[in-house]
Amino acid sequence: MEADRKVIGLTQDSQAFLEQPQAKDWFSEGQDIARFCLAYAIKVGLKPGSTTGVDTRWSISGFDQTGEIQALVCALFPDNSAPVRAIESFVNEGLRLVNERLIHGGDTLADLME
């Protein structure tokens, strides 16, 4: 079993994907975009995974100060024993998916949620 992480990392592609929503000025900081992308990935039905080739971006204690995100991931995916790795995978995949939607005509947050 793979040990859980204490940080959330982004792949090189995900770091580039972060720029599109930042340019839209929808959120005040990158962590907020990442949290949205995490929720988006769960909304579209992705399952927890593990992401390789990441550079550290945020500590989990800053990203999820109350522990509510980790608790939600544990509740939604009880078989997953590494919630921070799951969060990291959702963030990276969510950034990829949001980027695709923005490229193909999603101009507002509401467009992304359709």
N, C-alpha and C. Protein backbone atom coordinates (compact mmCIF):
# COMPACT_ATOMS: atom_id res chain seq x y z
N MET A 1 0.84 -1.17 0.00
CA MET A 1 0.00 0.00 0.00
C MET A 1 0.89 1.24 0.00
N GLU A 2 0.53 2.18 -0.83
CA GLU A 2 1.30 3.41 -0.97
C GLU A 2 0.94 4.35 0.19
N ALA A 3 1.98 4.92 0.83
CA ALA A 3 1.76 5.84 1.94
C ALA A 3 1.11 7.12 1.44
N ASP A 4 0.33 7.73 2.31
CA ASP A 4 -0.31 8.99 1.93
C ASP A 4 0.71 10.11 1.96
N ARG A 5 0.37 11.21 1.33
CA ARG A 5 1.27 12.36 1.24
C ARG A 5 0.88 13.42 2.25
N LYS A 6 1.76 14.38 2.44
CA LYS A 6 1.49 15.53 3.30
C LYS A 6 1.38 16.81 2.48
N VAL A 7 1.59 16.68 1.18
CA VAL A 7 1.54 17.82 0.27
C VAL A 7 0.74 17.46 -0.98
N ILE A 8 0.27 18.49 -1.64
CA ILE A 8 -0.41 18.32 -2.92
C ILE A 8 0.53 18.87 -3.98
N GLY A 9 0.78 18.07 -4.99
CA GLY A 9 1.65 18.49 -6.07
C GLY A 9 0.90 18.59 -7.37
N LEU A 10 1.47 19.35 -8.28
CA LEU A 10 0.91 19.48 -9.62
C LEU A 10 1.91 18.97 -10.63
N THR A 11 1.40 18.33 -11.67
CA THR A 11 2.25 17.96 -12.78
C THR A 11 2.61 19.23 -13.55
N GLN A 12 3.56 19.13 -14.43
CA GLN A 12 3.94 20.28 -15.24
C GLN A 12 2.75 20.75 -16.09
N ASP A 13 2.01 19.81 -16.66
CA ASP A 13 0.82 20.17 -17.44
C ASP A 13 -0.21 20.87 -16.57
N SER A 14 -0.45 20.35 -15.38
CA SER A 14 -1.45 20.95 -14.49
C SER A 14 -1.06 22.37 -14.10
N GLN A 15 0.23 22.60 -13.90
CA GLN A 15 0.67 23.95 -13.58
C GLN A 15 0.33 24.91 -14.73
N ALA A 16 0.47 24.44 -15.96
CA ALA A 16 0.10 25.26 -17.12
C ALA A 16 -1.42 25.42 -17.19
N PHE A 17 -2.18 24.34 -16.88
CA PHE A 17 -3.63 24.40 -16.91
C PHE A 17 -4.19 25.40 -15.90
N LEU A 18 -3.47 25.60 -14.82
CA LEU A 18 -3.89 26.53 -13.77
C LEU A 18 -3.97 27.97 -14.28
N GLU A 19 -3.22 28.27 -15.32
CA GLU A 19 -3.17 29.64 -15.83
C GLU A 19 -4.48 30.10 -16.46
N GLN A 20 -5.19 29.22 -17.15
CA GLN A 20 -6.45 29.62 -17.82
C GLN A 20 -7.49 30.13 -16.83
N PRO A 21 -7.83 29.34 -15.80
CA PRO A 21 -8.82 29.87 -14.84
C PRO A 21 -8.29 31.09 -14.08
N GLN A 22 -6.99 31.16 -13.83
CA GLN A 22 -6.43 32.33 -13.15
C GLN A 22 -6.65 33.58 -14.01
N ALA A 23 -6.51 33.45 -15.30
CA ALA A 23 -6.69 34.58 -16.21
C ALA A 23 -8.14 35.06 -16.22
N LYS A 24 -9.07 34.17 -15.91
CA LYS A 24 -10.50 34.53 -15.89
C LYS A 24 -10.85 35.35 -14.64
N ASP A 25 -9.97 35.34 -13.64
CA ASP A 25 -10.20 36.10 -12.40
C ASP A 25 -11.43 35.61 -11.62
N TRP A 26 -11.73 34.33 -11.72
CA TRP A 26 -12.86 33.77 -11.01
C TRP A 26 -12.55 33.53 -9.53
N PHE A 27 -11.30 33.31 -9.22
CA PHE A 27 -10.88 32.96 -7.87
C PHE A 27 -9.72 33.86 -7.46
N SER A 28 -9.55 34.05 -6.15
CA SER A 28 -8.50 34.95 -5.68
C SER A 28 -7.13 34.29 -5.66
N GLU A 29 -7.07 32.98 -5.59
CA GLU A 29 -5.76 32.32 -5.57
C GLU A 29 -5.83 30.92 -6.16
N GLY A 30 -4.66 30.39 -6.47
CA GLY A 30 -4.55 29.08 -7.10
C GLY A 30 -5.17 27.95 -6.30
N GLN A 31 -5.07 28.01 -4.97
CA GLN A 31 -5.67 26.95 -4.15
C GLN A 31 -7.18 26.90 -4.34
N ASP A 32 -7.80 28.05 -4.50
CA ASP A 32 -9.25 28.07 -4.71
C ASP A 32 -9.61 27.41 -6.04
N ILE A 33 -8.82 27.68 -7.05
CA ILE A 33 -9.03 27.03 -8.35
C ILE A 33 -8.86 25.53 -8.19
N ALA A 34 -7.83 25.12 -7.48
CA ALA A 34 -7.56 23.69 -7.27
C ALA A 34 -8.72 23.03 -6.53
N ARG A 35 -9.27 23.70 -5.52
CA ARG A 35 -10.40 23.13 -4.79
C ARG A 35 -11.61 22.98 -5.72
N PHE A 36 -11.85 23.98 -6.55
CA PHE A 36 -12.95 23.90 -7.52
C PHE A 36 -12.72 22.72 -8.47
N CYS A 37 -11.50 22.58 -8.97
CA CYS A 37 -11.19 21.50 -9.92
C CYS A 37 -11.32 20.14 -9.26
N LEU A 38 -10.97 20.04 -7.99
CA LEU A 38 -11.16 18.81 -7.23
C LEU A 38 -12.65 18.46 -7.21
N ALA A 39 -13.49 19.44 -6.87
CA ALA A 39 -14.93 19.20 -6.83
C ALA A 39 -15.47 18.85 -8.21
N TYR A 40 -14.95 19.51 -9.22
CA TYR A 40 -15.38 19.23 -10.59
C TYR A 40 -15.05 17.79 -10.98
N ALA A 41 -13.86 17.34 -10.64
CA ALA A 41 -13.45 15.98 -10.97
C ALA A 41 -14.36 14.96 -10.28
N ILE A 42 -14.72 15.22 -9.05
CA ILE A 42 -15.63 14.31 -8.34
C ILE A 42 -17.01 14.37 -8.98
N LYS A 43 -17.48 15.58 -9.33
CA LYS A 43 -18.80 15.76 -9.94
C LYS A 43 -18.95 14.96 -11.23
N VAL A 44 -17.89 14.92 -12.04
CA VAL A 44 -18.00 14.21 -13.32
C VAL A 44 -17.76 12.71 -13.18
N GLY A 45 -17.52 12.23 -11.96
CA GLY A 45 -17.47 10.80 -11.72
C GLY A 45 -16.10 10.15 -11.71
N LEU A 46 -15.04 10.95 -11.64
CA LEU A 46 -13.72 10.33 -11.57
C LEU A 46 -13.54 9.61 -10.25
N LYS A 47 -12.69 8.62 -10.27
CA LYS A 47 -12.36 7.85 -9.07
C LYS A 47 -10.98 8.28 -8.58
N PRO A 48 -10.70 8.09 -7.29
CA PRO A 48 -9.38 8.47 -6.76
C PRO A 48 -8.27 7.71 -7.45
N GLY A 49 -7.16 8.37 -7.61
CA GLY A 49 -5.99 7.75 -8.22
C GLY A 49 -4.73 8.24 -7.55
N SER A 50 -3.65 8.07 -8.25
CA SER A 50 -2.35 8.53 -7.78
C SER A 50 -1.69 9.24 -8.95
N THR A 51 -1.08 10.36 -8.69
CA THR A 51 -0.46 11.16 -9.74
C THR A 51 1.05 11.12 -9.58
N THR A 52 1.74 10.86 -10.67
CA THR A 52 3.21 10.83 -10.63
C THR A 52 3.78 12.07 -11.29
N GLY A 53 5.03 12.34 -11.03
CA GLY A 53 5.73 13.45 -11.66
C GLY A 53 5.23 14.81 -11.23
N VAL A 54 4.93 14.95 -9.95
CA VAL A 54 4.40 16.22 -9.44
C VAL A 54 5.48 17.01 -8.72
N ASP A 55 5.32 18.32 -8.76
CA ASP A 55 6.13 19.23 -7.95
C ASP A 55 5.25 19.75 -6.83
N THR A 56 5.80 19.79 -5.63
CA THR A 56 5.04 20.24 -4.47
C THR A 56 4.47 21.63 -4.71
N ARG A 57 3.20 21.78 -4.38
CA ARG A 57 2.55 23.07 -4.56
C ARG A 57 1.96 23.59 -3.25
N TRP A 58 1.21 22.75 -2.53
CA TRP A 58 0.56 23.18 -1.29
C TRP A 58 0.66 22.08 -0.23
N SER A 59 0.85 22.49 1.02
CA SER A 59 0.76 21.51 2.10
C SER A 59 -0.71 21.22 2.33
N ILE A 60 -1.02 20.00 2.73
CA ILE A 60 -2.41 19.65 2.97
C ILE A 60 -2.97 20.45 4.13
N SER A 61 -2.14 20.82 5.09
CA SER A 61 -2.64 21.59 6.24
C SER A 61 -3.08 22.99 5.83
N GLY A 62 -2.52 23.55 4.77
CA GLY A 62 -2.96 24.84 4.27
C GLY A 62 -4.09 24.72 3.27
N PHE A 63 -4.07 23.67 2.48
CA PHE A 63 -5.08 23.45 1.44
C PHE A 63 -6.42 23.05 2.06
N ASP A 64 -6.36 22.27 3.12
CA ASP A 64 -7.55 21.74 3.79
C ASP A 64 -7.39 21.99 5.28
N GLN A 65 -7.49 23.24 5.69
CA GLN A 65 -7.20 23.64 7.07
C GLN A 65 -8.07 22.96 8.11
N THR A 66 -9.31 22.69 7.77
CA THR A 66 -10.23 22.08 8.73
C THR A 66 -10.28 20.56 8.63
N GLY A 67 -9.72 20.00 7.57
CA GLY A 67 -9.78 18.56 7.36
C GLY A 67 -11.07 18.11 6.70
N GLU A 68 -11.94 19.05 6.35
CA GLU A 68 -13.24 18.70 5.77
C GLU A 68 -13.12 18.06 4.39
N ILE A 69 -12.15 18.50 3.60
CA ILE A 69 -12.00 17.92 2.27
C ILE A 69 -11.55 16.47 2.38
N GLN A 70 -10.58 16.22 3.27
CA GLN A 70 -10.12 14.84 3.47
C GLN A 70 -11.26 13.97 4.00
N ALA A 71 -12.05 14.52 4.92
CA ALA A 71 -13.19 13.76 5.46
C ALA A 71 -14.20 13.44 4.36
N LEU A 72 -14.46 14.40 3.48
CA LEU A 72 -15.39 14.18 2.38
C LEU A 72 -14.88 13.08 1.45
N VAL A 73 -13.60 13.15 1.10
CA VAL A 73 -13.01 12.13 0.22
C VAL A 73 -13.11 10.75 0.88
N CYS A 74 -12.84 10.69 2.17
CA CYS A 74 -12.94 9.41 2.88
C CYS A 74 -14.38 8.90 2.91
N ALA A 75 -15.35 9.81 3.06
CA ALA A 75 -16.75 9.40 3.08
C ALA A 75 -17.23 8.94 1.70
N LEU A 76 -16.81 9.65 0.66
CA LEU A 76 -17.24 9.30 -0.70
C LEU A 76 -16.55 8.05 -1.23
N PHE A 77 -15.31 7.84 -0.79
CA PHE A 77 -14.50 6.72 -1.29
C PHE A 77 -13.91 5.95 -0.12
N PRO A 78 -14.75 5.21 0.62
CA PRO A 78 -14.30 4.56 1.85
C PRO A 78 -13.20 3.50 1.65
N ASP A 79 -13.05 2.99 0.44
CA ASP A 79 -12.00 2.00 0.18
C ASP A 79 -10.63 2.64 -0.04
N ASN A 80 -10.61 3.95 -0.17
CA ASN A 80 -9.37 4.67 -0.42
C ASN A 80 -8.69 4.95 0.92
N SER A 81 -7.45 4.52 1.06
CA SER A 81 -6.73 4.72 2.32
C SER A 81 -5.72 5.86 2.26
N ALA A 82 -5.69 6.59 1.17
CA ALA A 82 -4.74 7.70 1.01
C ALA A 82 -5.49 8.94 0.49
N PRO A 83 -6.22 9.63 1.38
CA PRO A 83 -7.06 10.74 0.92
C PRO A 83 -6.27 11.90 0.30
N VAL A 84 -5.07 12.17 0.76
CA VAL A 84 -4.30 13.28 0.18
C VAL A 84 -3.86 12.92 -1.23
N ARG A 85 -3.46 11.69 -1.45
CA ARG A 85 -3.13 11.26 -2.82
C ARG A 85 -4.37 11.36 -3.72
N ALA A 86 -5.53 11.01 -3.17
CA ALA A 86 -6.77 11.12 -3.94
C ALA A 86 -7.06 12.58 -4.27
N ILE A 87 -6.92 13.45 -3.30
CA ILE A 87 -7.13 14.89 -3.52
C ILE A 87 -6.19 15.38 -4.61
N GLU A 88 -4.93 15.00 -4.52
CA GLU A 88 -3.94 15.39 -5.53
C GLU A 88 -4.35 14.92 -6.92
N SER A 89 -4.83 13.69 -7.02
CA SER A 89 -5.24 13.18 -8.33
C SER A 89 -6.47 13.91 -8.84
N PHE A 90 -7.43 14.20 -7.96
CA PHE A 90 -8.61 14.95 -8.37
C PHE A 90 -8.25 16.36 -8.82
N VAL A 91 -7.34 17.00 -8.12
CA VAL A 91 -6.92 18.36 -8.50
C VAL A 91 -6.28 18.33 -9.89
N ASN A 92 -5.36 17.42 -10.11
CA ASN A 92 -4.66 17.36 -11.40
C ASN A 92 -5.60 17.00 -12.54
N GLU A 93 -6.44 16.01 -12.34
CA GLU A 93 -7.40 15.62 -13.38
C GLU A 93 -8.46 16.69 -13.57
N GLY A 94 -8.90 17.31 -12.49
CA GLY A 94 -9.87 18.39 -12.59
C GLY A 94 -9.32 19.57 -13.36
N LEU A 95 -8.06 19.92 -13.13
CA LEU A 95 -7.44 21.00 -13.89
C LEU A 95 -7.41 20.67 -15.38
N ARG A 96 -7.10 19.43 -15.70
CA ARG A 96 -7.07 19.01 -17.11
C ARG A 96 -8.47 19.12 -17.73
N LEU A 97 -9.48 18.64 -17.02
CA LEU A 97 -10.84 18.67 -17.54
C LEU A 97 -11.38 20.09 -17.68
N VAL A 98 -11.11 20.93 -16.69
CA VAL A 98 -11.56 22.33 -16.75
C VAL A 98 -10.88 23.04 -17.91
N ASN A 99 -9.60 22.77 -18.09
CA ASN A 99 -8.88 23.37 -19.21
C ASN A 99 -9.53 22.97 -20.55
N GLU A 100 -9.86 21.70 -20.69
CA GLU A 100 -10.52 21.24 -21.92
C GLU A 100 -11.85 21.96 -22.13
N ARG A 101 -12.63 22.10 -21.07
CA ARG A 101 -13.92 22.79 -21.18
C ARG A 101 -13.73 24.25 -21.57
N LEU A 102 -12.72 24.90 -21.01
CA LEU A 102 -12.47 26.30 -21.35
C LEU A 102 -12.05 26.45 -22.81
N ILE A 103 -11.26 25.51 -23.29
CA ILE A 103 -10.83 25.54 -24.69
C ILE A 103 -12.03 25.37 -25.62
N HIS A 104 -12.99 24.53 -25.20
CA HIS A 104 -14.13 24.21 -26.07
C HIS A 104 -15.38 25.02 -25.73
N GLY A 105 -15.20 26.21 -25.20
CA GLY A 105 -16.33 27.12 -25.10
C GLY A 105 -16.93 27.35 -23.74
N GLY A 106 -16.29 26.98 -22.67
CA GLY A 106 -16.81 27.30 -21.36
C GLY A 106 -16.30 28.66 -20.92
N ASP A 107 -17.16 29.66 -20.95
CA ASP A 107 -16.71 31.02 -20.62
C ASP A 107 -17.04 31.45 -19.19
N THR A 108 -17.91 30.70 -18.53
CA THR A 108 -18.29 31.04 -17.16
C THR A 108 -18.22 29.79 -16.30
N LEU A 109 -18.27 29.98 -15.00
CA LEU A 109 -18.32 28.83 -14.09
C LEU A 109 -19.59 28.01 -14.33
N ALA A 110 -20.68 28.68 -14.63
CA ALA A 110 -21.93 27.97 -14.92
C ALA A 110 -21.79 27.07 -16.14
N ASP A 111 -21.05 27.54 -17.16
CA ASP A 111 -20.80 26.72 -18.35
C ASP A 111 -20.09 25.43 -17.97
N LEU A 112 -19.18 25.52 -17.03
CA LEU A 112 -18.41 24.35 -16.63
C LEU A 112 -19.27 23.33 -15.90
N MET A 113 -20.30 23.80 -15.24
CA MET A 113 -21.12 22.90 -14.43
C MET A 113 -22.25 22.25 -15.21
N GLU A 114 -22.43 22.60 -16.47
CA GLU A 114 -23.50 22.00 -17.28
C GLU A 114 -23.16 20.57 -17.64
